[in-house]
Amino acid sequence: MGKSTCARLLREALPGTLFFDADACVRQLLTSPEIVARIVGEFGDSVLSSDGQLDRSRLREQVFDSAEQRAALENILHPVVRMKFEDERERLSASPDLRVFLADIPLLFESDYRFEHDLSITLATTVATQIRRLADSRGLSRTLAEQIIAAQMPIAEKMGRADIVLWNEGRLARLEQQITDFTQWLRKTRRIPS
């Protein structure tokens, strides 16, 4: 969808923003010996590379073949991600200088956990663009990219649930203008200083 670009633009437009990135949190967790041991306990040594490190590509292929295995991995990772989210949110409430807490939660609507928030933003594009961007950015096969997209809630449903929808199909300047419009509206309605 272009989440990294969108998040960067939002942080630039809203100085003093505390940002929580659930995907970055997961990447960090996948290097934790404790988490890796739990994953190997669940999925076996087949998810390890020859040097004993977690092979994220193998793990990804294995879990996107099976909803049951994906749920098992999520049961290992998601509680820790939620805890780290709550820790960051508490930092916001404890800091008088911090004005905005922005969290990139890819499975916000799919999750059974209710992440406390004031507004939800969905970054949307066509499914064809989603598949192309996912395959290109992560070096995935088109088939695996399609499986990953199919495992998520349809974008039209996410758009219907979101408070704000940013459409990211086309030129970067169009997304930049939407973010400018959104942050101006946010400052006005939430009284966030520039």
C-alpha atoms as a PDB file:
ATOM      1  CA  MET A   1       0.000   0.000   0.000  1.00  0.00           C
ATOM      2  CA  GLY A   2       2.926   2.341   0.632  1.00  0.00           C
ATOM      3  CA  LYS A   3       2.620   2.360   4.424  1.00  0.00           C
ATOM      4  CA  SER A   4       6.260   3.235   5.042  1.00  0.00           C
ATOM      5  CA  THR A   5       6.054   6.268   2.774  1.00  0.00           C
ATOM      6  CA  CYS A   6       2.750   7.335   4.306  1.00  0.00           C
ATOM      7  CA  ALA A   7       4.081   6.950   7.859  1.00  0.00           C
ATOM      8  CA  ARG A   8       7.193   8.975   6.998  1.00  0.00           C
ATOM      9  CA  LEU A   9       5.081  11.750   5.489  1.00  0.00           C
ATOM     10  CA  LEU A  10       2.770  11.823   8.508  1.00  0.00           C
ATOM     11  CA  ARG A  11       5.712  12.013  10.926  1.00  0.00           C
ATOM     12  CA  GLU A  12       7.207  14.872   8.903  1.00  0.00           C
ATOM     13  CA  ALA A  13       3.879  16.712   8.851  1.00  0.00           C
ATOM     14  CA  LEU A  14       3.288  16.175  12.578  1.00  0.00           C
ATOM     15  CA  PRO A  15       6.522  16.981  14.453  1.00  0.00           C
ATOM     16  CA  GLY A  16       6.655  15.601  17.970  1.00  0.00           C
ATOM     17  CA  THR A  17       4.811  12.446  16.955  1.00  0.00           C
ATOM     18  CA  LEU A  18       5.512   9.212  18.790  1.00  0.00           C
ATOM     19  CA  PHE A  19       5.402   6.446  16.197  1.00  0.00           C
ATOM     20  CA  PHE A  20       4.803   2.739  16.811  1.00  0.00           C
ATOM     21  CA  ASP A  21       5.429   0.379  13.895  1.00  0.00           C
ATOM     22  CA  ALA A  22       3.955  -3.091  14.471  1.00  0.00           C
ATOM     23  CA  ASP A  23       5.868  -4.582  11.509  1.00  0.00           C
ATOM     24  CA  ALA A  24       9.184  -3.246  12.852  1.00  0.00           C
ATOM     25  CA  CYS A  25       8.272  -4.643  16.253  1.00  0.00           C
ATOM     26  CA  VAL A  26       7.669  -8.077  14.697  1.00  0.00           C
ATOM     27  CA  ARG A  27      10.986  -7.920  12.798  1.00  0.00           C
ATOM     28  CA  GLN A  28      12.739  -7.182  16.078  1.00  0.00           C
ATOM     29  CA  LEU A  29      10.905 -10.012  17.849  1.00  0.00           C
ATOM     30  CA  LEU A  30      11.981 -12.456  15.135  1.00  0.00           C
ATOM     31  CA  THR A  31      15.588 -11.885  16.243  1.00  0.00           C
ATOM     32  CA  SER A  32      14.825 -12.503  19.925  1.00  0.00           C
ATOM     33  CA  PRO A  33      16.244 -15.879  21.066  1.00  0.00           C
ATOM     34  CA  GLU A  34      13.205 -16.463  23.288  1.00  0.00           C
ATOM     35  CA  ILE A  35      10.719 -15.820  20.476  1.00  0.00           C
ATOM     36  CA  VAL A  36      12.764 -17.826  17.951  1.00  0.00           C
ATOM     37  CA  ALA A  37      12.818 -20.764  20.402  1.00  0.00           C
ATOM     38  CA  ARG A  38       9.029 -20.595  20.732  1.00  0.00           C
ATOM     39  CA  ILE A  39       8.627 -20.463  16.941  1.00  0.00           C
ATOM     40  CA  VAL A  40      10.946 -23.439  16.453  1.00  0.00           C
ATOM     41  CA  GLY A  41       9.025 -25.267  19.175  1.00  0.00           C
ATOM     42  CA  GLU A  42       5.819 -24.677  17.236  1.00  0.00           C
ATOM     43  CA  PHE A  43       7.046 -25.113  13.640  1.00  0.00           C
ATOM     44  CA  GLY A  44      10.183 -27.239  13.927  1.00  0.00           C
ATOM     45  CA  ASP A  45      13.741 -26.800  12.689  1.00  0.00           C
ATOM     46  CA  SER A  46      12.559 -26.392   9.086  1.00  0.00           C
ATOM     47  CA  VAL A  47      12.151 -22.650   9.746  1.00  0.00           C
ATOM     48  CA  LEU A  48      15.861 -22.269  10.562  1.00  0.00           C
ATOM     49  CA  SER A  49      18.607 -21.460   8.100  1.00  0.00           C
ATOM     50  CA  SER A  50      21.835 -23.484   7.947  1.00  0.00           C
ATOM     51  CA  ASP A  51      23.454 -21.080  10.455  1.00  0.00           C
ATOM     52  CA  GLY A  52      20.669 -21.637  13.011  1.00  0.00           C
ATOM     53  CA  GLN A  53      18.947 -18.274  12.466  1.00  0.00           C
ATOM     54  CA  LEU A  54      15.249 -17.926  11.782  1.00  0.00           C
ATOM     55  CA  ASP A  55      14.635 -18.047   8.035  1.00  0.00           C
ATOM     56  CA  ARG A  56      11.804 -15.556   7.647  1.00  0.00           C
ATOM     57  CA  SER A  57      11.157 -16.571   4.033  1.00  0.00           C
ATOM     58  CA  ARG A  58      10.604 -20.212   4.965  1.00  0.00           C
ATOM     59  CA  LEU A  59       8.453 -19.235   7.918  1.00  0.00           C
ATOM     60  CA  ARG A  60       6.366 -16.879   5.745  1.00  0.00           C
ATOM     61  CA  GLU A  61       5.816 -19.569   3.098  1.00  0.00           C
ATOM     62  CA  GLN A  62       4.834 -22.099   5.739  1.00  0.00           C
ATOM     63  CA  VAL A  63       2.340 -19.901   7.589  1.00  0.00           C
ATOM     64  CA  PHE A  64       0.654 -18.498   4.498  1.00  0.00           C
ATOM     65  CA  ASP A  65      -0.073 -22.041   3.333  1.00  0.00           C
ATOM     66  CA  SER A  66      -2.250 -22.632   6.375  1.00  0.00           C
ATOM     67  CA  ALA A  67      -4.624 -20.421   8.356  1.00  0.00           C
ATOM     68  CA  GLU A  68      -4.021 -22.692  11.352  1.00  0.00           C
ATOM     69  CA  GLN A  69      -0.250 -22.188  11.221  1.00  0.00           C
ATOM     70  CA  ARG A  70      -0.679 -18.440  10.680  1.00  0.00           C
ATOM     71  CA  ALA A  71      -2.852 -18.309  13.811  1.00  0.00           C
ATOM     72  CA  ALA A  72      -0.195 -20.249  15.748  1.00  0.00           C
ATOM     73  CA  LEU A  73       2.476 -17.720  14.763  1.00  0.00           C
ATOM     74  CA  GLU A  74       0.163 -14.822  15.584  1.00  0.00           C
ATOM     75  CA  ASN A  75      -0.461 -16.355  19.030  1.00  0.00           C
ATOM     76  CA  ILE A  76       3.280 -16.169  19.677  1.00  0.00           C
ATOM     77  CA  LEU A  77       3.896 -12.679  18.282  1.00  0.00           C
ATOM     78  CA  HIS A  78       0.740 -10.640  18.754  1.00  0.00           C
ATOM     79  CA  PRO A  79       0.565 -10.612  22.579  1.00  0.00           C
ATOM     80  CA  VAL A  80       4.109  -9.195  22.704  1.00  0.00           C
ATOM     81  CA  VAL A  81       3.322  -6.610  20.010  1.00  0.00           C
ATOM     82  CA  ARG A  82       0.234  -5.544  21.971  1.00  0.00           C
ATOM     83  CA  MET A  83       2.279  -5.184  25.156  1.00  0.00           C
ATOM     84  CA  LYS A  84       4.860  -3.020  23.369  1.00  0.00           C
ATOM     85  CA  PHE A  85       2.055  -0.917  21.844  1.00  0.00           C
ATOM     86  CA  GLU A  86       0.569  -0.317  25.294  1.00  0.00           C
ATOM     87  CA  ASP A  87       4.014   0.608  26.683  1.00  0.00           C
ATOM     88  CA  GLU A  88       4.463   3.207  23.934  1.00  0.00           C
ATOM     89  CA  ARG A  89       0.950   4.552  24.444  1.00  0.00           C
ATOM     90  CA  GLU A  90       1.668   4.961  28.161  1.00  0.00           C
ATOM     91  CA  ARG A  91       4.757   6.991  27.245  1.00  0.00           C
ATOM     92  CA  LEU A  92       2.440   9.347  25.373  1.00  0.00           C
ATOM     93  CA  SER A  93       0.172   9.890  28.337  1.00  0.00           C
ATOM     94  CA  ALA A  94       3.190  10.460  30.606  1.00  0.00           C
ATOM     95  CA  SER A  95       4.833  13.063  28.362  1.00  0.00           C
ATOM     96  CA  PRO A  96       3.371  16.578  28.379  1.00  0.00           C
ATOM     97  CA  ASP A  97       5.335  17.495  25.214  1.00  0.00           C
ATOM     98  CA  LEU A  98       4.079  14.662  23.056  1.00  0.00           C
ATOM     99  CA  ARG A  99       1.039  15.632  21.004  1.00  0.00           C
ATOM    100  CA  VAL A 100       0.315  12.701  18.691  1.00  0.00           C
ATOM    101  CA  PHE A 101       0.713   8.943  18.953  1.00  0.00           C
ATOM    102  CA  LEU A 102       0.668   7.329  15.525  1.00  0.00           C
ATOM    103  CA  ALA A 103       0.602   3.539  15.289  1.00  0.00           C
ATOM    104  CA  ASP A 104       1.026   1.493  12.133  1.00  0.00           C
ATOM    105  CA  ILE A 105      -1.017  -1.635  12.875  1.00  0.00           C
ATOM    106  CA  PRO A 106      -1.477  -3.643   9.636  1.00  0.00           C
ATOM    107  CA  LEU A 107      -4.035  -6.026  11.144  1.00  0.00           C
ATOM    108  CA  LEU A 108      -5.947  -3.413  13.143  1.00  0.00           C
ATOM    109  CA  PHE A 109      -9.356  -4.543  11.930  1.00  0.00           C
ATOM    110  CA  GLU A 110      -8.499  -8.265  11.757  1.00  0.00           C
ATOM    111  CA  SER A 111      -7.191  -8.397  15.313  1.00  0.00           C
ATOM    112  CA  ASP A 112      -9.348  -9.638  18.161  1.00  0.00           C
ATOM    113  CA  TYR A 113      -7.519  -7.100  20.349  1.00  0.00           C
ATOM    114  CA  ARG A 114      -9.020  -3.628  20.452  1.00  0.00           C
ATOM    115  CA  PHE A 115      -6.150  -1.192  20.091  1.00  0.00           C
ATOM    116  CA  GLU A 116      -7.366   1.963  21.820  1.00  0.00           C
ATOM    117  CA  HIS A 117      -7.386   4.832  19.324  1.00  0.00           C
ATOM    118  CA  ASP A 118      -9.134   8.060  18.453  1.00  0.00           C
ATOM    119  CA  LEU A 119      -8.989   7.736  14.660  1.00  0.00           C
ATOM    120  CA  SER A 120      -8.206   4.922  12.275  1.00  0.00           C
ATOM    121  CA  ILE A 121      -6.598   5.623   8.928  1.00  0.00           C
ATOM    122  CA  THR A 122      -6.630   3.131   6.097  1.00  0.00           C
ATOM    123  CA  LEU A 123      -4.183   3.514   3.258  1.00  0.00           C
ATOM    124  CA  ALA A 124      -5.845   1.984   0.224  1.00  0.00           C
ATOM    125  CA  THR A 125      -5.062   1.046  -3.341  1.00  0.00           C
ATOM    126  CA  THR A 126      -6.275  -1.519  -5.862  1.00  0.00           C
ATOM    127  CA  VAL A 127      -5.620  -5.193  -5.187  1.00  0.00           C
ATOM    128  CA  ALA A 128      -3.479  -5.418  -8.329  1.00  0.00           C
ATOM    129  CA  THR A 129      -1.266  -2.601  -7.049  1.00  0.00           C
ATOM    130  CA  GLN A 130      -1.127  -4.193  -3.596  1.00  0.00           C
ATOM    131  CA  ILE A 131       0.109  -7.475  -5.071  1.00  0.00           C
ATOM    132  CA  ARG A 132       2.663  -5.772  -7.320  1.00  0.00           C
ATOM    133  CA  ARG A 133       4.039  -3.580  -4.518  1.00  0.00           C
ATOM    134  CA  LEU A 134       4.212  -6.460  -2.060  1.00  0.00           C
ATOM    135  CA  ALA A 135       5.991  -8.725  -4.531  1.00  0.00           C
ATOM    136  CA  ASP A 136       8.408  -5.965  -5.578  1.00  0.00           C
ATOM    137  CA  SER A 137       9.226  -4.615  -2.110  1.00  0.00           C
ATOM    138  CA  ARG A 138       9.803  -7.993  -0.476  1.00  0.00           C
ATOM    139  CA  GLY A 139      10.994  -9.997  -3.467  1.00  0.00           C
ATOM    140  CA  LEU A 140       8.058 -12.404  -3.185  1.00  0.00           C
ATOM    141  CA  SER A 141       6.502 -14.504  -5.874  1.00  0.00           C
ATOM    142  CA  ARG A 142       3.187 -13.239  -7.192  1.00  0.00           C
ATOM    143  CA  THR A 143       1.504 -16.357  -5.776  1.00  0.00           C
ATOM    144  CA  LEU A 144       2.803 -15.729  -2.246  1.00  0.00           C
ATOM    145  CA  ALA A 145       1.895 -12.032  -2.495  1.00  0.00           C
ATOM    146  CA  GLU A 146      -1.640 -13.058  -3.506  1.00  0.00           C
ATOM    147  CA  GLN A 147      -1.829 -15.473  -0.537  1.00  0.00           C
ATOM    148  CA  ILE A 148      -0.746 -12.736   1.861  1.00  0.00           C
ATOM    149  CA  ILE A 149      -3.354 -10.316   0.480  1.00  0.00           C
ATOM    150  CA  ALA A 150      -6.045 -13.017   0.529  1.00  0.00           C
ATOM    151  CA  ALA A 151      -5.310 -13.713   4.213  1.00  0.00           C
ATOM    152  CA  GLN A 152      -6.200 -10.111   5.075  1.00  0.00           C
ATOM    153  CA  MET A 153      -9.551  -8.419   5.281  1.00  0.00           C
ATOM    154  CA  PRO A 154     -10.598  -7.091   1.850  1.00  0.00           C
ATOM    155  CA  ILE A 155      -9.513  -3.488   1.351  1.00  0.00           C
ATOM    156  CA  ALA A 156     -13.094  -2.371   0.637  1.00  0.00           C
ATOM    157  CA  GLU A 157     -14.140  -3.624   4.083  1.00  0.00           C
ATOM    158  CA  LYS A 158     -11.191  -1.859   5.744  1.00  0.00           C
ATOM    159  CA  MET A 159     -12.159   1.341   3.939  1.00  0.00           C
ATOM    160  CA  GLY A 160     -15.690   1.008   5.294  1.00  0.00           C
ATOM    161  CA  ARG A 161     -14.427   0.622   8.859  1.00  0.00           C
ATOM    162  CA  ALA A 162     -11.822   3.391   8.776  1.00  0.00           C
ATOM    163  CA  ASP A 163     -12.404   6.917   9.982  1.00  0.00           C
ATOM    164  CA  ILE A 164     -10.033   8.293   7.324  1.00  0.00           C
ATOM    165  CA  VAL A 165      -9.110   6.733   3.955  1.00  0.00           C
ATOM    166  CA  LEU A 166      -6.022   7.843   2.049  1.00  0.00           C
ATOM    167  CA  TRP A 167      -5.967   6.604  -1.549  1.00  0.00           C
ATOM    168  CA  ASN A 168      -2.459   5.725  -2.705  1.00  0.00           C
ATOM    169  CA  GLU A 169      -2.802   4.880  -6.362  1.00  0.00           C
ATOM    170  CA  GLY A 170      -0.667   6.974  -8.638  1.00  0.00           C
ATOM    171  CA  ARG A 171       1.761   9.794  -8.062  1.00  0.00           C
ATOM    172  CA  LEU A 172       3.422  10.511  -4.723  1.00  0.00           C
ATOM    173  CA  ALA A 173       2.263  14.137  -4.958  1.00  0.00           C
ATOM    174  CA  ARG A 174      -1.357  12.966  -4.660  1.00  0.00           C
ATOM    175  CA  LEU A 175      -0.628  11.125  -1.399  1.00  0.00           C
ATOM    176  CA  GLU A 176       1.351  14.119  -0.121  1.00  0.00           C
ATOM    177  CA  GLN A 177      -1.636  16.410  -0.777  1.00  0.00           C
ATOM    178  CA  GLN A 178      -4.009  14.050   1.045  1.00  0.00           C
ATOM    179  CA  ILE A 179      -1.670  13.983   4.045  1.00  0.00           C
ATOM    180  CA  THR A 180      -1.402  17.776   4.015  1.00  0.00           C
ATOM    181  CA  ASP A 181      -5.205  18.050   3.945  1.00  0.00           C
ATOM    182  CA  PHE A 182      -5.558  15.456   6.707  1.00  0.00           C
ATOM    183  CA  THR A 183      -2.963  17.029   9.018  1.00  0.00           C
ATOM    184  CA  GLN A 184      -4.503  20.489   8.535  1.00  0.00           C
ATOM    185  CA  TRP A 185      -7.897  19.054   9.436  1.00  0.00           C
ATOM    186  CA  LEU A 186      -6.381  17.230  12.416  1.00  0.00           C
ATOM    187  CA  ARG A 187      -4.712  20.382  13.756  1.00  0.00           C
ATOM    188  CA  LYS A 188      -7.955  22.282  13.414  1.00  0.00           C
ATOM    189  CA  THR A 189     -10.304  19.686  14.920  1.00  0.00           C
ATOM    190  CA  ARG A 190      -7.954  18.306  17.601  1.00  0.00           C
ATOM    191  CA  ARG A 191      -6.220  21.591  18.368  1.00  0.00           C
ATOM    192  CA  ILE A 192      -2.755  20.262  17.695  1.00  0.00           C
ATOM    193  CA  PRO A 193      -0.263  23.103  17.356  1.00  0.00           C
ATOM    194  CA  SER A 194       1.946  23.307  14.272  1.00  0.00           C
END
